Amino acid sequence: ADTTRKSYAMLVTDGAQAGCNAGGGDPGTVTAITGMATKGVKTFVVGFGSGVDIPAMDSFAVAGQVPASNTSPKFYNAANQQSL
């Protein structure tokens, strides 16, 4: 809530919900990230793992307002040490 400085969050995930829909699945994740961005907390989205859900991760990155690129992948890809 400190408006005198910028605030950020980092989401590190493979983007796959794995049956976890308690928070609304992918749409719920986008809503949560968008809500944070509306309050001034932008989210860096880092994809980790070999089974990254690219469409989900791209939607999270756009919602977080700090995409890695304008084209897919829009999330920060941590598929290997160099990418990370």
Foldseek 3Di string as FASTA:
>chain_A
DPPVDAAEEEAEELLDCVPDCPQNRLVSLLVVLLVCVVVRYAYAYEHDDDNRPQVSSCSSLVSSVQFPDPDPPRHQYPDDPVSD
